């Protein structure tokens, strides 16, 4: 049997390469290594298709300096809502496609690999989706404008008391090493303010870009 990449993802990779011929590909990948083979992963060639074994996932390097920015690709997927998508992961967040939990919305991802250097894309495991090689119409023009001003930082949600993004709040609480219940109440606000004071930030209890940067350091 021959291992191959799903035709839908071959097409997506081709369009990304055409969009940015000089992009970094050091974090690109499709077929898993030995560590992937030891666990459930869409990078494994686990779909039997006649004489082929099909891999239904691909990693695309996060390279904003050359116009391929993971955060912008996430937004593009959210706008496009292509039915071929099973899920995608970027920068500690996972997004399900149609039919998944909370479709197209971010949920905290707790895997060992936070996917900060690339965006992972998985397509659905039925042939009409994974081998649908029709065009994706890959286009993220907002990134091209931002590249002129320099690389684009990954986007983290702004959180404060009463925030309803429970997945992001849990992620925050875990980084603060407090009870991770997804509720931004008094205890979380106090922990945020203490963290901000300790790291020379304005202790307003609001988790924005600079607080996230310190948390990620």
C-alpha atoms as a PDB file:
ATOM      1  CA  UNK A   1       0.000   0.000   0.000  1.00  0.00           C
ATOM      2  CA  UNK A   2       1.098   3.559  -0.696  1.00  0.00           C
ATOM      3  CA  UNK A   3       0.871   6.335   1.908  1.00  0.00           C
ATOM      4  CA  UNK A   4      -0.378   9.620   0.510  1.00  0.00           C
ATOM      5  CA  UNK A   5      -1.810  12.963   1.576  1.00  0.00           C
ATOM      6  CA  UNK A   6      -5.525  13.644   1.100  1.00  0.00           C
ATOM      7  CA  UNK A   7      -6.167  15.409  -2.223  1.00  0.00           C
ATOM      8  CA  UNK A   8      -7.994  18.275  -0.508  1.00  0.00           C
ATOM      9  CA  UNK A   9      -4.855  19.060   1.500  1.00  0.00           C
ATOM     10  CA  UNK A  10      -2.560  18.669  -1.497  1.00  0.00           C
ATOM     11  CA  UNK A  11      -4.641  21.406  -3.125  1.00  0.00           C
ATOM     12  CA  UNK A  12      -4.546  23.602  -0.009  1.00  0.00           C
ATOM     13  CA  UNK A  13      -0.763  23.316   0.265  1.00  0.00           C
ATOM     14  CA  UNK A  14      -0.402  24.154  -3.435  1.00  0.00           C
ATOM     15  CA  UNK A  15      -2.498  27.298  -3.040  1.00  0.00           C
ATOM     16  CA  UNK A  16      -0.539  28.424   0.047  1.00  0.00           C
ATOM     17  CA  UNK A  17       2.732  27.890  -1.868  1.00  0.00           C
ATOM     18  CA  UNK A  18       1.410  29.901  -4.795  1.00  0.00           C
ATOM     19  CA  UNK A  19       0.285  32.634  -2.419  1.00  0.00           C
ATOM     20  CA  UNK A  20       3.725  32.810  -0.769  1.00  0.00           C
ATOM     21  CA  UNK A  21       6.453  31.069  -2.818  1.00  0.00           C
ATOM     22  CA  UNK A  22       9.218  32.125  -0.410  1.00  0.00           C
ATOM     23  CA  UNK A  23       7.490  31.155   2.824  1.00  0.00           C
ATOM     24  CA  UNK A  24       9.306  29.178   5.523  1.00  0.00           C
ATOM     25  CA  UNK A  25       8.470  25.470   5.371  1.00  0.00           C
ATOM     26  CA  UNK A  26      10.567  24.236   8.306  1.00  0.00           C
ATOM     27  CA  UNK A  27       7.451  23.484  10.390  1.00  0.00           C
ATOM     28  CA  UNK A  28       5.478  22.022   7.480  1.00  0.00           C
ATOM     29  CA  UNK A  29       4.528  18.367   7.663  1.00  0.00           C
ATOM     30  CA  UNK A  30       1.905  15.782   6.856  1.00  0.00           C
ATOM     31  CA  UNK A  31       2.838  12.159   7.679  1.00  0.00           C
ATOM     32  CA  UNK A  32       3.561  11.531  11.346  1.00  0.00           C
ATOM     33  CA  UNK A  33       6.775  10.282  12.923  1.00  0.00           C
ATOM     34  CA  UNK A  34       7.136   7.419  15.417  1.00  0.00           C
ATOM     35  CA  UNK A  35       5.615   9.463  18.246  1.00  0.00           C
ATOM     36  CA  UNK A  36       2.503  10.079  16.150  1.00  0.00           C
ATOM     37  CA  UNK A  37       2.292   6.391  15.263  1.00  0.00           C
ATOM     38  CA  UNK A  38       2.080   5.515  18.961  1.00  0.00           C
ATOM     39  CA  UNK A  39      -1.161   7.476  19.456  1.00  0.00           C
ATOM     40  CA  UNK A  40      -4.326   8.495  17.639  1.00  0.00           C
ATOM     41  CA  UNK A  41      -3.413  11.210  15.161  1.00  0.00           C
ATOM     42  CA  UNK A  42      -4.727  12.383  11.804  1.00  0.00           C
ATOM     43  CA  UNK A  43      -1.067  12.524  10.740  1.00  0.00           C
ATOM     44  CA  UNK A  44      -1.092   8.728  10.650  1.00  0.00           C
ATOM     45  CA  UNK A  45      -2.043   7.008   7.368  1.00  0.00           C
ATOM     46  CA  UNK A  46      -5.087   5.379   8.960  1.00  0.00           C
ATOM     47  CA  UNK A  47      -7.679   5.808   6.180  1.00  0.00           C
ATOM     48  CA  UNK A  48      -7.712   2.789   3.834  1.00  0.00           C
ATOM     49  CA  UNK A  49      -8.609   3.782   0.283  1.00  0.00           C
ATOM     50  CA  UNK A  50      -8.064   0.826  -2.017  1.00  0.00           C
ATOM     51  CA  UNK A  51      -4.311   0.466  -2.476  1.00  0.00           C
ATOM     52  CA  UNK A  52      -3.656   3.727  -0.642  1.00  0.00           C
ATOM     53  CA  UNK A  53      -3.420   4.693   3.004  1.00  0.00           C
ATOM     54  CA  UNK A  54      -4.452   8.311   3.394  1.00  0.00           C
ATOM     55  CA  UNK A  55      -3.207  10.985   5.809  1.00  0.00           C
ATOM     56  CA  UNK A  56      -5.929  13.523   6.547  1.00  0.00           C
ATOM     57  CA  UNK A  57      -3.882  16.246   8.266  1.00  0.00           C
ATOM     58  CA  UNK A  58      -1.267  18.807   7.339  1.00  0.00           C
ATOM     59  CA  UNK A  59       0.854  21.402   9.172  1.00  0.00           C
ATOM     60  CA  UNK A  60       1.536  24.759   7.527  1.00  0.00           C
ATOM     61  CA  UNK A  61       4.347  26.939   8.873  1.00  0.00           C
ATOM     62  CA  UNK A  62       3.363  30.138  10.694  1.00  0.00           C
ATOM     63  CA  UNK A  63       5.462  32.685   8.766  1.00  0.00           C
ATOM     64  CA  UNK A  64       3.924  36.172   8.953  1.00  0.00           C
ATOM     65  CA  UNK A  65       7.095  37.734   7.541  1.00  0.00           C
ATOM     66  CA  UNK A  66       6.174  36.134   4.209  1.00  0.00           C
ATOM     67  CA  UNK A  67       2.414  36.645   4.444  1.00  0.00           C
ATOM     68  CA  UNK A  68       1.408  33.272   5.900  1.00  0.00           C
ATOM     69  CA  UNK A  69       0.139  34.112   9.372  1.00  0.00           C
ATOM     70  CA  UNK A  70      -1.574  31.427  11.436  1.00  0.00           C
ATOM     71  CA  UNK A  71      -3.926  33.870  13.167  1.00  0.00           C
ATOM     72  CA  UNK A  72      -5.083  35.209   9.808  1.00  0.00           C
ATOM     73  CA  UNK A  73      -5.548  31.694   8.428  1.00  0.00           C
ATOM     74  CA  UNK A  74      -7.737  30.917  11.465  1.00  0.00           C
ATOM     75  CA  UNK A  75      -9.907  33.944  10.658  1.00  0.00           C
ATOM     76  CA  UNK A  76     -10.045  32.908   7.000  1.00  0.00           C
ATOM     77  CA  UNK A  77     -11.235  29.402   7.919  1.00  0.00           C
ATOM     78  CA  UNK A  78     -13.838  30.903  10.270  1.00  0.00           C
ATOM     79  CA  UNK A  79     -15.182  33.103   7.477  1.00  0.00           C
ATOM     80  CA  UNK A  80     -15.069  30.433   4.785  1.00  0.00           C
ATOM     81  CA  UNK A  81     -16.485  27.516   6.851  1.00  0.00           C
ATOM     82  CA  UNK A  82     -15.384  24.945   4.288  1.00  0.00           C
ATOM     83  CA  UNK A  83     -17.310  21.677   4.836  1.00  0.00           C
ATOM     84  CA  UNK A  84     -14.114  19.646   4.328  1.00  0.00           C
ATOM     85  CA  UNK A  85     -12.649  20.885   7.616  1.00  0.00           C
ATOM     86  CA  UNK A  86     -12.720  18.504  10.579  1.00  0.00           C
ATOM     87  CA  UNK A  87     -10.752  20.831  12.879  1.00  0.00           C
ATOM     88  CA  UNK A  88      -7.682  23.068  12.986  1.00  0.00           C
ATOM     89  CA  UNK A  89      -5.293  24.042  15.791  1.00  0.00           C
ATOM     90  CA  UNK A  90      -3.165  27.130  16.294  1.00  0.00           C
ATOM     91  CA  UNK A  91      -1.507  28.820  19.266  1.00  0.00           C
ATOM     92  CA  UNK A  92      -3.074  26.674  22.029  1.00  0.00           C
ATOM     93  CA  UNK A  93      -6.601  26.831  20.537  1.00  0.00           C
ATOM     94  CA  UNK A  94      -8.579  24.224  18.600  1.00  0.00           C
ATOM     95  CA  UNK A  95     -11.483  25.015  16.262  1.00  0.00           C
ATOM     96  CA  UNK A  96     -13.951  22.362  15.097  1.00  0.00           C
ATOM     97  CA  UNK A  97     -15.575  22.423  11.682  1.00  0.00           C
ATOM     98  CA  UNK A  98     -19.235  21.755  10.935  1.00  0.00           C
ATOM     99  CA  UNK A  99     -20.561  18.917  13.071  1.00  0.00           C
ATOM    100  CA  UNK A 100     -17.930  19.324  15.781  1.00  0.00           C
ATOM    101  CA  UNK A 101     -18.240  20.853  19.257  1.00  0.00           C
ATOM    102  CA  UNK A 102     -18.838  24.633  19.171  1.00  0.00           C
ATOM    103  CA  UNK A 103     -18.197  24.805  15.393  1.00  0.00           C
ATOM    104  CA  UNK A 104     -15.667  27.433  14.268  1.00  0.00           C
ATOM    105  CA  UNK A 105     -15.241  28.806  17.805  1.00  0.00           C
ATOM    106  CA  UNK A 106     -11.968  28.672  19.807  1.00  0.00           C
ATOM    107  CA  UNK A 107     -11.556  26.126  22.590  1.00  0.00           C
ATOM    108  CA  UNK A 108      -8.420  25.810  24.695  1.00  0.00           C
ATOM    109  CA  UNK A 109      -6.090  23.086  23.426  1.00  0.00           C
ATOM    110  CA  UNK A 110      -4.034  21.286  26.070  1.00  0.00           C
ATOM    111  CA  UNK A 111      -1.902  19.009  23.923  1.00  0.00           C
ATOM    112  CA  UNK A 112       1.855  18.813  24.507  1.00  0.00           C
ATOM    113  CA  UNK A 113       2.425  20.688  21.228  1.00  0.00           C
ATOM    114  CA  UNK A 114       0.718  24.084  21.367  1.00  0.00           C
ATOM    115  CA  UNK A 115       1.055  24.512  17.573  1.00  0.00           C
ATOM    116  CA  UNK A 116       2.664  27.941  17.887  1.00  0.00           C
ATOM    117  CA  UNK A 117       5.074  27.463  14.959  1.00  0.00           C
ATOM    118  CA  UNK A 118       2.489  26.120  12.530  1.00  0.00           C
ATOM    119  CA  UNK A 119      -1.240  25.690  12.040  1.00  0.00           C
ATOM    120  CA  UNK A 120      -2.570  22.123  11.977  1.00  0.00           C
ATOM    121  CA  UNK A 121      -5.470  21.352   9.620  1.00  0.00           C
ATOM    122  CA  UNK A 122      -7.427  18.080   9.601  1.00  0.00           C
ATOM    123  CA  UNK A 123     -10.096  17.204   7.058  1.00  0.00           C
ATOM    124  CA  UNK A 124     -13.044  14.862   7.527  1.00  0.00           C
ATOM    125  CA  UNK A 125     -12.300  11.132   7.082  1.00  0.00           C
ATOM    126  CA  UNK A 126     -14.905  10.364   4.399  1.00  0.00           C
ATOM    127  CA  UNK A 127     -13.697  10.278   0.791  1.00  0.00           C
ATOM    128  CA  UNK A 128     -16.107  12.941  -0.511  1.00  0.00           C
ATOM    129  CA  UNK A 129     -14.394  15.403   1.838  1.00  0.00           C
ATOM    130  CA  UNK A 130     -10.755  14.302   2.164  1.00  0.00           C
ATOM    131  CA  UNK A 131     -10.326  13.704  -1.580  1.00  0.00           C
ATOM    132  CA  UNK A 132     -12.307  16.733  -2.723  1.00  0.00           C
ATOM    133  CA  UNK A 133      -9.534  18.528  -4.580  1.00  0.00           C
ATOM    134  CA  UNK A 134     -11.570  21.580  -5.533  1.00  0.00           C
ATOM    135  CA  UNK A 135     -10.032  25.004  -4.988  1.00  0.00           C
ATOM    136  CA  UNK A 136      -9.972  26.511  -1.513  1.00  0.00           C
ATOM    137  CA  UNK A 137      -9.616  30.063  -2.900  1.00  0.00           C
ATOM    138  CA  UNK A 138      -6.877  30.725  -0.350  1.00  0.00           C
ATOM    139  CA  UNK A 139      -6.656  34.461   0.176  1.00  0.00           C
ATOM    140  CA  UNK A 140      -5.738  36.402   3.316  1.00  0.00           C
ATOM    141  CA  UNK A 141      -5.166  39.944   2.004  1.00  0.00           C
ATOM    142  CA  UNK A 142      -5.209  41.483   5.496  1.00  0.00           C
ATOM    143  CA  UNK A 143      -1.947  39.686   6.247  1.00  0.00           C
ATOM    144  CA  UNK A 144      -0.233  41.190   3.214  1.00  0.00           C
ATOM    145  CA  UNK A 145      -0.961  44.696   4.497  1.00  0.00           C
ATOM    146  CA  UNK A 146       0.328  43.850   7.954  1.00  0.00           C
ATOM    147  CA  UNK A 147       3.516  42.237   6.671  1.00  0.00           C
ATOM    148  CA  UNK A 148       4.714  45.640   5.464  1.00  0.00           C
ATOM    149  CA  UNK A 149       4.699  46.786   9.084  1.00  0.00           C
ATOM    150  CA  UNK A 150       6.393  43.618  10.370  1.00  0.00           C
ATOM    151  CA  UNK A 151       5.363  40.220  11.710  1.00  0.00           C
ATOM    152  CA  UNK A 152       1.903  39.821  13.226  1.00  0.00           C
ATOM    153  CA  UNK A 153       1.652  38.500  16.791  1.00  0.00           C
ATOM    154  CA  UNK A 154      -0.746  35.639  17.542  1.00  0.00           C
ATOM    155  CA  UNK A 155      -4.087  36.924  18.824  1.00  0.00           C
ATOM    156  CA  UNK A 156      -5.154  36.115  22.398  1.00  0.00           C
ATOM    157  CA  UNK A 157      -8.609  37.035  23.715  1.00  0.00           C
ATOM    158  CA  UNK A 158      -8.969  39.891  26.199  1.00  0.00           C
ATOM    159  CA  UNK A 159     -10.356  38.511  29.443  1.00  0.00           C
ATOM    160  CA  UNK A 160     -11.808  40.274  32.481  1.00  0.00           C
ATOM    161  CA  UNK A 161     -14.247  39.640  35.321  1.00  0.00           C
ATOM    162  CA  UNK A 162     -17.387  38.019  33.895  1.00  0.00           C
ATOM    163  CA  UNK A 163     -15.765  36.880  30.618  1.00  0.00           C
ATOM    164  CA  UNK A 164     -17.864  34.131  29.051  1.00  0.00           C
ATOM    165  CA  UNK A 165     -15.080  32.431  27.070  1.00  0.00           C
ATOM    166  CA  UNK A 166     -14.772  29.551  29.536  1.00  0.00           C
ATOM    167  CA  UNK A 167     -12.112  27.710  27.497  1.00  0.00           C
ATOM    168  CA  UNK A 168      -9.841  30.747  27.444  1.00  0.00           C
ATOM    169  CA  UNK A 169     -10.494  31.428  31.140  1.00  0.00           C
ATOM    170  CA  UNK A 170      -9.524  27.839  31.983  1.00  0.00           C
ATOM    171  CA  UNK A 171      -6.331  28.278  29.984  1.00  0.00           C
ATOM    172  CA  UNK A 172      -5.600  31.459  31.949  1.00  0.00           C
ATOM    173  CA  UNK A 173      -6.334  29.802  35.292  1.00  0.00           C
ATOM    174  CA  UNK A 174      -4.050  26.881  34.511  1.00  0.00           C
ATOM    175  CA  UNK A 175      -1.215  29.260  33.674  1.00  0.00           C
ATOM    176  CA  UNK A 176      -1.836  31.084  36.962  1.00  0.00           C
ATOM    177  CA  UNK A 177      -1.863  27.713  38.761  1.00  0.00           C
ATOM    178  CA  UNK A 178      -5.272  28.253  40.345  1.00  0.00           C
ATOM    179  CA  UNK A 179      -8.534  26.275  40.208  1.00  0.00           C
ATOM    180  CA  UNK A 180      -9.479  25.951  36.523  1.00  0.00           C
ATOM    181  CA  UNK A 181     -13.281  26.171  36.555  1.00  0.00           C
ATOM    182  CA  UNK A 182     -13.691  28.510  33.578  1.00  0.00           C
ATOM    183  CA  UNK A 183     -15.296  31.234  35.710  1.00  0.00           C
ATOM    184  CA  UNK A 184     -13.585  34.639  35.858  1.00  0.00           C
ATOM    185  CA  UNK A 185     -14.596  35.719  39.352  1.00  0.00           C
ATOM    186  CA  UNK A 186     -12.957  37.237  42.445  1.00  0.00           C
ATOM    187  CA  UNK A 187     -10.260  34.573  42.854  1.00  0.00           C
ATOM    188  CA  UNK A 188      -9.179  34.773  39.220  1.00  0.00           C
ATOM    189  CA  UNK A 189      -9.164  38.568  39.237  1.00  0.00           C
ATOM    190  CA  UNK A 190      -7.060  38.608  42.422  1.00  0.00           C
ATOM    191  CA  UNK A 191      -4.605  36.115  40.905  1.00  0.00           C
ATOM    192  CA  UNK A 192      -4.345  38.176  37.706  1.00  0.00           C
ATOM    193  CA  UNK A 193      -3.692  41.385  39.648  1.00  0.00           C
ATOM    194  CA  UNK A 194      -1.028  39.692  41.773  1.00  0.00           C
ATOM    195  CA  UNK A 195       0.633  38.310  38.637  1.00  0.00           C
ATOM    196  CA  UNK A 196       0.543  41.752  37.004  1.00  0.00           C
ATOM    197  CA  UNK A 197       2.099  43.419  40.067  1.00  0.00           C
ATOM    198  CA  UNK A 198       4.820  40.779  40.234  1.00  0.00           C
ATOM    199  CA  UNK A 199       5.717  41.270  36.569  1.00  0.00           C
ATOM    200  CA  UNK A 200       5.647  45.072  36.465  1.00  0.00           C
ATOM    201  CA  UNK A 201       2.305  45.415  34.690  1.00  0.00           C
ATOM    202  CA  UNK A 202      -0.585  47.718  35.543  1.00  0.00           C
ATOM    203  CA  UNK A 203      -2.661  45.654  38.022  1.00  0.00           C
ATOM    204  CA  UNK A 204      -6.103  46.235  36.505  1.00  0.00           C
ATOM    205  CA  UNK A 205      -7.194  42.572  36.492  1.00  0.00           C
ATOM    206  CA  UNK A 206      -7.728  42.668  32.714  1.00  0.00           C
ATOM    207  CA  UNK A 207      -5.828  40.072  30.691  1.00  0.00           C
ATOM    208  CA  UNK A 208      -4.758  41.662  27.436  1.00  0.00           C
ATOM    209  CA  UNK A 209      -1.814  41.356  25.098  1.00  0.00           C
ATOM    210  CA  UNK A 210       0.940  42.288  27.572  1.00  0.00           C
ATOM    211  CA  UNK A 211      -0.348  40.040  30.334  1.00  0.00           C
ATOM    212  CA  UNK A 212      -0.617  37.114  27.888  1.00  0.00           C
ATOM    213  CA  UNK A 213       2.947  37.771  26.718  1.00  0.00           C
ATOM    214  CA  UNK A 214       4.210  37.524  30.304  1.00  0.00           C
ATOM    215  CA  UNK A 215       2.135  34.390  30.893  1.00  0.00           C
ATOM    216  CA  UNK A 216       3.592  32.806  27.753  1.00  0.00           C
ATOM    217  CA  UNK A 217       7.183  33.770  28.535  1.00  0.00           C
END
